[in-house]
Amino acid sequence: MDHIRTFMERHYRHFNARETREAAVAYEAHVTAGGKMLLAMAGAMSTGELGVSLARMIGEGKVHAISCTGANLEEDVFNLLAHEEYETIPDWTSLTAEDEAELYRRRMNRVTDTCIPADVMRHVEQRLVEGWRSACEIGARRSPWEFLVDMLRAGALEEHYQIDPSTSWVLAAMHAGIPVYTPGWEDSTMGNIFAANVISGVIPHHGCVQSGTEQFQHLIEWYLENDGRTDGLPAPGFFQIGGGIAGDFAICVVPCIVQDLKRDTQPWGYFAQITDATASYGGYSGAVPNEKITWGKLTTETPRFSIHSDASIVAPLVFSYVLGD
């Protein structure tokens, strides 16, 4: 044990390596002090099988809420159900347009070096449509996450699992009972499929799926319940993979509470982002942490880190450090 931690402490002394180690040290200190941690996840981390380390983080109480793209939500389930049918293309940068067209003909949707079989998407669609239609019939409104959990809890899919269930972060989050938010869910395969089924009349209307603002309200309530003020604990921390809506949606909770709700709360108690974006003109993913101070999301005292690297390499290292590997 402690081999990864020892390696990082020995070798990660400068540049992005130092920033990675210090972010991991501060992460561990934050949760050890009783602070909650929200993970914001963009990119294709589920197809990159981040669940191998993230599921352990959730199971051991190191992640307490998740804000992710709809693609990350569904792609962990796709991997759970069809991993053996996936194809890896090591020389993906050499693919020609004709090669890509052949993958399309074979119904293999490529994500960098990994191709997801379209058949698994239809398998999940069949299960979810039943839940969406039933919710419409009884007038229920539920989040995309809740529909997915209902499908998994039913147990009918267990015989189709093709990976060790302990490496699925979605299953880990379900078992831990932590909230998962999917802002911009319509920008995902299942979001597209939902809209198509409404248009075709299979689902009577859009009303069964909660809007982004409804999910945002739930996140505000989660933050206020866990902001640590009454217990003398740190405010929730924020660990961000990539940029975009998954991160910006969640981190806006604090200024909304303070500036719009006119209520007191603590700003985020920790912030780290793994990104390959550079500081740019108006680009959120490249905004440095200090910019968030001007919006009231962080303060000058907030431990904050910006790691400019590949999240598929860095995130498992940070998680392994925190887990004591």
Protein backbone atom coordinates (compact mmCIF):
# COMPACT_ATOMS: atom_id res chain seq x y z
CA MET A 1 0.00 0.00 0.00
CA ASP A 2 0.94 3.68 -0.32
CA HIS A 3 3.08 2.96 -3.40
CA ILE A 4 1.37 5.58 -5.58
CA ARG A 5 1.32 8.10 -2.74
CA THR A 6 5.02 7.48 -2.05
CA PHE A 7 5.88 7.78 -5.75
CA MET A 8 4.03 11.08 -6.10
CA GLU A 9 5.60 12.53 -2.97
CA ARG A 10 9.04 11.48 -4.20
CA HIS A 11 8.80 12.58 -7.84
CA TYR A 12 5.96 15.12 -8.22
CA ARG A 13 7.83 18.23 -7.06
CA HIS A 14 7.40 20.83 -9.79
CA PHE A 15 5.13 22.09 -12.59
CA ASN A 16 1.92 20.13 -13.25
CA ALA A 17 3.27 17.24 -11.21
CA ARG A 18 3.53 19.42 -8.09
CA GLU A 19 0.09 20.91 -8.74
CA THR A 20 -1.36 17.39 -9.03
CA ARG A 21 0.23 16.25 -5.77
CA GLU A 22 -0.82 19.36 -3.87
CA ALA A 23 -4.38 19.07 -5.19
CA ALA A 24 -4.47 15.46 -3.96
CA VAL A 25 -3.06 16.41 -0.54
CA ALA A 26 -5.62 19.21 -0.14
CA TYR A 27 -8.45 16.93 -1.34
CA GLU A 28 -7.58 14.38 1.34
CA ALA A 29 -7.34 17.10 4.00
CA HIS A 30 -10.73 18.49 2.98
CA VAL A 31 -12.66 15.22 3.29
CA THR A 32 -10.74 14.16 6.39
CA ALA A 33 -11.90 17.40 8.03
CA GLY A 34 -15.49 16.41 7.31
CA GLY A 35 -16.06 18.43 4.15
CA LYS A 36 -18.19 17.05 1.34
CA MET A 37 -16.86 16.85 -2.22
CA LEU A 38 -18.75 17.39 -5.47
CA LEU A 39 -17.24 15.97 -8.64
CA ALA A 40 -17.99 17.78 -11.91
CA MET A 41 -17.28 15.55 -14.89
CA ALA A 42 -17.19 16.52 -18.56
CA GLY A 43 -15.44 14.83 -21.47
CA ALA A 44 -15.72 11.11 -22.09
CA MET A 45 -14.49 9.90 -18.73
CA SER A 46 -16.98 7.03 -18.49
CA THR A 47 -15.88 5.60 -21.83
CA GLY A 48 -12.33 6.12 -20.55
CA GLU A 49 -13.36 3.80 -17.66
CA LEU A 50 -12.74 6.30 -14.90
CA GLY A 51 -15.20 4.18 -12.94
CA VAL A 52 -12.35 1.83 -12.01
CA SER A 53 -11.07 4.45 -9.54
CA LEU A 54 -14.12 6.71 -9.19
CA ALA A 55 -16.38 3.88 -7.98
CA ARG A 56 -13.97 3.28 -5.10
CA MET A 57 -13.90 7.00 -4.28
CA ILE A 58 -17.69 7.00 -4.04
CA GLY A 59 -17.83 3.76 -2.07
CA GLU A 60 -15.27 4.99 0.46
CA GLY A 61 -17.06 8.29 1.01
CA LYS A 62 -14.62 10.55 -0.85
CA VAL A 63 -17.21 11.84 -3.38
CA HIS A 64 -20.62 12.99 -2.16
CA ALA A 65 -22.35 14.44 -5.25
CA ILE A 66 -21.76 14.42 -9.01
CA SER A 67 -22.58 16.87 -11.78
CA CYS A 68 -21.89 15.31 -15.15
CA THR A 69 -22.86 15.45 -18.78
CA GLY A 70 -25.63 13.15 -19.94
CA ALA A 71 -23.04 11.33 -22.04
CA ASN A 72 -20.96 10.40 -18.98
CA LEU A 73 -24.08 9.20 -17.19
CA GLU A 74 -25.21 6.87 -19.94
CA GLU A 75 -21.77 5.76 -21.16
CA ASP A 76 -20.91 4.19 -17.81
CA VAL A 77 -24.04 2.05 -18.25
CA PHE A 78 -23.19 1.30 -21.89
CA ASN A 79 -19.77 0.06 -20.76
CA LEU A 80 -21.38 -2.00 -18.00
CA LEU A 81 -23.65 -3.77 -20.49
CA ALA A 82 -21.53 -4.07 -23.64
CA HIS A 83 -17.84 -3.84 -22.73
CA GLU A 84 -16.98 -7.02 -24.61
CA GLU A 85 -18.47 -5.62 -27.82
CA TYR A 86 -16.43 -2.39 -27.63
CA GLU A 87 -13.53 -1.97 -30.06
CA THR A 88 -10.27 -0.16 -29.37
CA ILE A 89 -8.45 1.53 -32.24
CA PRO A 90 -4.86 2.20 -31.15
CA ASP A 91 -3.97 4.13 -34.34
CA TRP A 92 -7.13 6.25 -34.32
CA THR A 93 -5.26 9.37 -35.46
CA SER A 94 -4.55 7.63 -38.76
CA LEU A 95 -8.17 6.89 -39.62
CA THR A 96 -9.32 8.25 -42.96
CA ALA A 97 -12.78 9.63 -43.68
CA GLU A 98 -13.50 6.34 -45.43
CA ASP A 99 -12.46 4.40 -42.32
CA GLU A 100 -14.84 6.51 -40.25
CA ALA A 101 -17.65 5.86 -42.73
CA GLU A 102 -17.04 2.13 -42.39
CA LEU A 103 -17.33 2.39 -38.61
CA TYR A 104 -20.61 4.25 -39.10
CA ARG A 105 -21.84 1.51 -41.45
CA ARG A 106 -21.01 -1.07 -38.77
CA ARG A 107 -22.84 1.02 -36.17
CA MET A 108 -19.71 1.58 -34.09
CA ASN A 109 -19.71 5.10 -32.65
CA ARG A 110 -16.15 6.29 -32.04
CA VAL A 111 -14.97 8.22 -28.97
CA THR A 112 -11.27 8.88 -29.59
CA ASP A 113 -9.74 5.37 -29.53
CA THR A 114 -12.87 3.54 -28.38
CA CYS A 115 -15.91 2.49 -30.42
CA ILE A 116 -19.27 2.02 -28.67
CA PRO A 117 -21.69 -0.41 -30.34
CA ALA A 118 -24.98 1.31 -31.14
CA ASP A 119 -26.94 -1.82 -30.19
CA VAL A 120 -26.38 -1.19 -26.47
CA MET A 121 -27.99 2.22 -26.83
CA ARG A 122 -31.16 0.61 -28.18
CA HIS A 123 -31.07 -1.93 -25.36
CA VAL A 124 -31.05 0.86 -22.77
CA GLU A 125 -33.67 2.80 -24.74
CA GLN A 126 -36.18 -0.03 -24.48
CA ARG A 127 -35.88 -0.08 -20.70
CA LEU A 128 -36.00 3.69 -20.22
CA VAL A 129 -38.98 4.25 -22.52
CA GLU A 130 -41.07 2.09 -20.21
CA GLY A 131 -40.11 4.26 -17.24
CA TRP A 132 -40.69 7.55 -19.08
CA ARG A 133 -44.11 6.44 -20.30
CA SER A 134 -45.18 5.19 -16.87
CA ALA A 135 -44.11 8.47 -15.26
CA CYS A 136 -46.18 10.42 -17.77
CA GLU A 137 -49.22 8.28 -17.01
CA ILE A 138 -49.09 9.02 -13.27
CA GLY A 139 -47.96 12.64 -13.62
CA ALA A 140 -44.53 12.09 -12.03
CA ARG A 141 -41.48 14.26 -12.75
CA ARG A 142 -38.09 12.72 -12.19
CA SER A 143 -34.49 13.52 -13.07
CA PRO A 144 -32.57 11.56 -15.74
CA TRP A 145 -30.53 10.05 -12.91
CA GLU A 146 -33.62 8.79 -11.08
CA PHE A 147 -34.96 7.08 -14.20
CA LEU A 148 -31.61 5.36 -14.70
CA VAL A 149 -31.48 4.22 -11.07
CA ASP A 150 -35.01 2.79 -11.34
CA MET A 151 -33.90 0.79 -14.36
CA LEU A 152 -30.82 -0.58 -12.59
CA ARG A 153 -32.55 -1.29 -9.28
CA ALA A 154 -35.12 -3.45 -11.06
CA GLY A 155 -32.32 -6.01 -11.51
CA ALA A 156 -33.34 -7.25 -14.94
CA LEU A 157 -30.08 -6.01 -16.48
CA GLU A 158 -27.73 -7.77 -14.06
CA GLU A 159 -27.46 -10.86 -16.27
CA HIS A 160 -26.12 -8.62 -19.02
CA TYR A 161 -23.26 -7.07 -17.03
CA GLN A 162 -19.95 -7.49 -18.85
CA ILE A 163 -17.61 -5.82 -16.35
CA ASP A 164 -17.05 -6.16 -12.63
CA PRO A 165 -19.96 -4.13 -11.19
CA SER A 166 -17.57 -2.67 -8.60
CA THR A 167 -15.92 -0.66 -11.40
CA SER A 168 -19.14 1.11 -12.45
CA TRP A 169 -19.34 4.56 -10.89
CA VAL A 170 -23.09 4.72 -11.65
CA LEU A 171 -23.72 1.58 -9.59
CA ALA A 172 -21.47 2.92 -6.83
CA ALA A 173 -23.40 6.20 -6.74
CA MET A 174 -26.69 4.32 -6.68
CA HIS A 175 -25.59 2.14 -3.76
CA ALA A 176 -24.16 5.14 -1.87
CA GLY A 177 -27.33 7.15 -2.40
CA ILE A 178 -25.50 10.28 -3.54
CA PRO A 179 -27.19 12.78 -5.89
CA VAL A 180 -26.20 12.93 -9.56
CA TYR A 181 -27.11 15.95 -11.69
CA THR A 182 -27.06 16.05 -15.50
CA PRO A 183 -27.35 19.63 -16.78
CA GLY A 184 -27.97 19.83 -20.52
CA TRP A 185 -29.14 16.21 -20.57
CA GLU A 186 -30.71 16.74 -23.99
CA ASP A 187 -27.14 16.81 -25.36
CA SER A 188 -26.81 13.04 -24.98
CA THR A 189 -27.95 9.89 -26.77
CA MET A 190 -30.73 9.20 -24.26
CA GLY A 191 -31.80 12.85 -24.32
CA ASN A 192 -32.05 12.67 -28.10
CA ILE A 193 -33.96 9.39 -27.89
CA PHE A 194 -36.38 10.85 -25.34
CA ALA A 195 -37.19 13.79 -27.64
CA ALA A 196 -37.66 11.46 -30.60
CA ASN A 197 -40.09 9.29 -28.64
CA VAL A 198 -42.14 12.33 -27.66
CA ILE A 199 -42.26 13.52 -31.28
CA SER A 200 -43.30 10.07 -32.48
CA GLY A 201 -46.02 9.83 -29.82
CA VAL A 202 -44.57 6.87 -27.92
CA ILE A 203 -44.21 9.16 -24.88
CA PRO A 204 -47.15 11.59 -24.55
CA HIS A 205 -45.21 14.69 -23.48
CA HIS A 206 -41.90 16.08 -22.14
CA GLY A 207 -43.18 16.67 -18.62
CA CYS A 208 -41.94 13.49 -16.95
CA VAL A 209 -38.27 14.54 -17.02
CA GLN A 210 -37.19 17.30 -14.68
CA SER A 211 -35.72 20.44 -16.18
CA GLY A 212 -32.23 21.70 -15.48
CA THR A 213 -33.57 24.38 -13.15
CA GLU A 214 -35.38 21.75 -11.08
CA GLN A 215 -32.14 19.83 -10.74
CA PHE A 216 -30.40 23.08 -9.85
CA GLN A 217 -32.89 23.67 -7.05
CA HIS A 218 -32.13 20.21 -5.65
CA LEU A 219 -28.40 20.96 -5.81
CA ILE A 220 -28.95 24.25 -3.94
CA GLU A 221 -30.82 22.36 -1.23
CA TRP A 222 -28.02 19.77 -1.07
CA TYR A 223 -25.42 22.52 -0.71
CA LEU A 224 -27.29 24.29 2.06
CA GLU A 225 -27.70 21.01 3.94
CA ASN A 226 -23.95 20.38 3.69
CA ASP A 227 -22.40 23.85 3.81
CA GLY A 228 -20.92 23.10 7.23
CA ARG A 229 -21.98 26.32 8.95
CA THR A 230 -23.95 24.76 11.80
CA ASP A 231 -21.34 22.04 12.42
CA GLY A 232 -18.19 24.11 12.01
CA LEU A 233 -17.16 21.98 9.02
CA PRO A 234 -15.63 23.05 5.71
CA ALA A 235 -17.99 24.02 2.91
CA PRO A 236 -18.28 21.44 0.12
CA GLY A 237 -15.31 21.11 -2.19
CA PHE A 238 -15.37 21.12 -5.98
CA PHE A 239 -13.25 18.73 -8.07
CA GLN A 240 -13.70 19.44 -11.76
CA ILE A 241 -12.73 17.27 -14.70
CA GLY A 242 -12.81 19.25 -17.94
CA GLY A 243 -15.00 22.31 -18.38
CA GLY A 244 -18.34 23.20 -19.84
CA ILE A 245 -21.80 22.86 -18.41
CA ALA A 246 -21.12 20.07 -15.91
CA GLY A 247 -18.81 22.39 -14.00
CA ASP A 248 -20.40 25.78 -14.54
CA PHE A 249 -23.88 24.53 -13.62
CA ALA A 250 -22.76 23.23 -10.25
CA ILE A 251 -20.33 25.92 -9.17
CA CYS A 252 -22.96 28.63 -9.70
CA VAL A 253 -24.86 27.33 -6.67
CA VAL A 254 -22.99 29.62 -4.26
CA PRO A 255 -23.56 32.95 -6.05
CA CYS A 256 -27.20 31.97 -6.60
CA ILE A 257 -27.70 31.35 -2.88
CA VAL A 258 -25.94 34.55 -1.83
CA GLN A 259 -26.86 37.00 -4.58
CA ASP A 260 -30.25 35.74 -5.77
CA LEU A 261 -31.75 33.96 -2.76
CA LYS A 262 -30.19 36.54 -0.40
CA ARG A 263 -29.20 33.81 2.03
CA ASP A 264 -25.95 33.20 3.87
CA THR A 265 -23.68 30.30 3.01
CA GLN A 266 -19.99 29.52 2.80
CA PRO A 267 -18.26 29.66 -0.61
CA TRP A 268 -16.85 26.40 -1.95
CA GLY A 269 -14.18 25.13 0.43
CA TYR A 270 -11.82 23.58 -2.13
CA PHE A 271 -11.40 23.82 -5.87
CA ALA A 272 -9.35 21.84 -8.38
CA GLN A 273 -9.71 21.50 -12.12
CA ILE A 274 -8.01 19.17 -14.58
CA THR A 275 -8.06 20.74 -18.03
CA ASP A 276 -6.08 20.95 -21.23
CA ALA A 277 -7.56 24.38 -22.03
CA THR A 278 -5.50 27.53 -21.74
CA ALA A 279 -6.65 30.94 -20.56
CA SER A 280 -8.73 32.42 -23.36
CA TYR A 281 -11.11 35.25 -24.17
CA GLY A 282 -14.50 34.16 -22.84
CA GLY A 283 -13.73 30.43 -22.73
CA TYR A 284 -15.05 28.94 -19.49
CA SER A 285 -12.90 25.82 -19.64
CA GLY A 286 -9.78 27.96 -19.73
CA ALA A 287 -10.81 30.35 -16.95
CA VAL A 288 -8.27 30.26 -14.13
CA PRO A 289 -9.55 29.66 -10.58
CA ASN A 290 -8.91 33.26 -9.50
CA GLU A 291 -11.58 34.45 -11.96
CA LYS A 292 -14.15 32.60 -9.87
CA ILE A 293 -13.34 34.85 -6.91
CA THR A 294 -14.91 37.77 -8.80
CA TRP A 295 -18.19 35.85 -8.99
CA GLY A 296 -18.25 34.93 -5.31
CA LYS A 297 -17.75 31.23 -6.02
CA LEU A 298 -14.38 31.07 -4.27
CA THR A 299 -12.48 33.33 -1.89
CA THR A 300 -8.83 34.31 -1.56
CA GLU A 301 -8.51 31.64 1.16
CA THR A 302 -9.97 28.77 -0.87
CA PRO A 303 -7.37 26.07 -1.66
CA ARG A 304 -7.41 26.11 -5.46
CA PHE A 305 -5.52 24.21 -8.11
CA SER A 306 -5.41 24.17 -11.90
CA ILE A 307 -3.81 21.08 -13.41
CA HIS A 308 -3.11 21.40 -17.13
CA SER A 309 -2.96 17.80 -18.22
CA ASP A 310 -4.91 14.79 -19.45
CA ALA A 311 -7.68 13.89 -17.00
CA SER A 312 -7.58 10.22 -18.00
CA ILE A 313 -4.02 10.17 -16.57
CA VAL A 314 -4.30 12.65 -13.71
CA ALA A 315 -7.69 11.88 -12.13
CA PRO A 316 -6.87 8.22 -11.30
CA LEU A 317 -3.59 9.38 -9.74
CA VAL A 318 -5.35 11.93 -7.53
CA PHE A 319 -7.99 9.38 -6.58
CA SER A 320 -5.38 6.72 -5.82
CA TYR A 321 -3.49 9.18 -3.61
CA VAL A 322 -6.64 10.04 -1.68
CA LEU A 323 -7.47 6.32 -1.35
CA GLY A 324 -4.00 5.61 0.02
CA ASP A 325 -2.91 3.27 -2.79
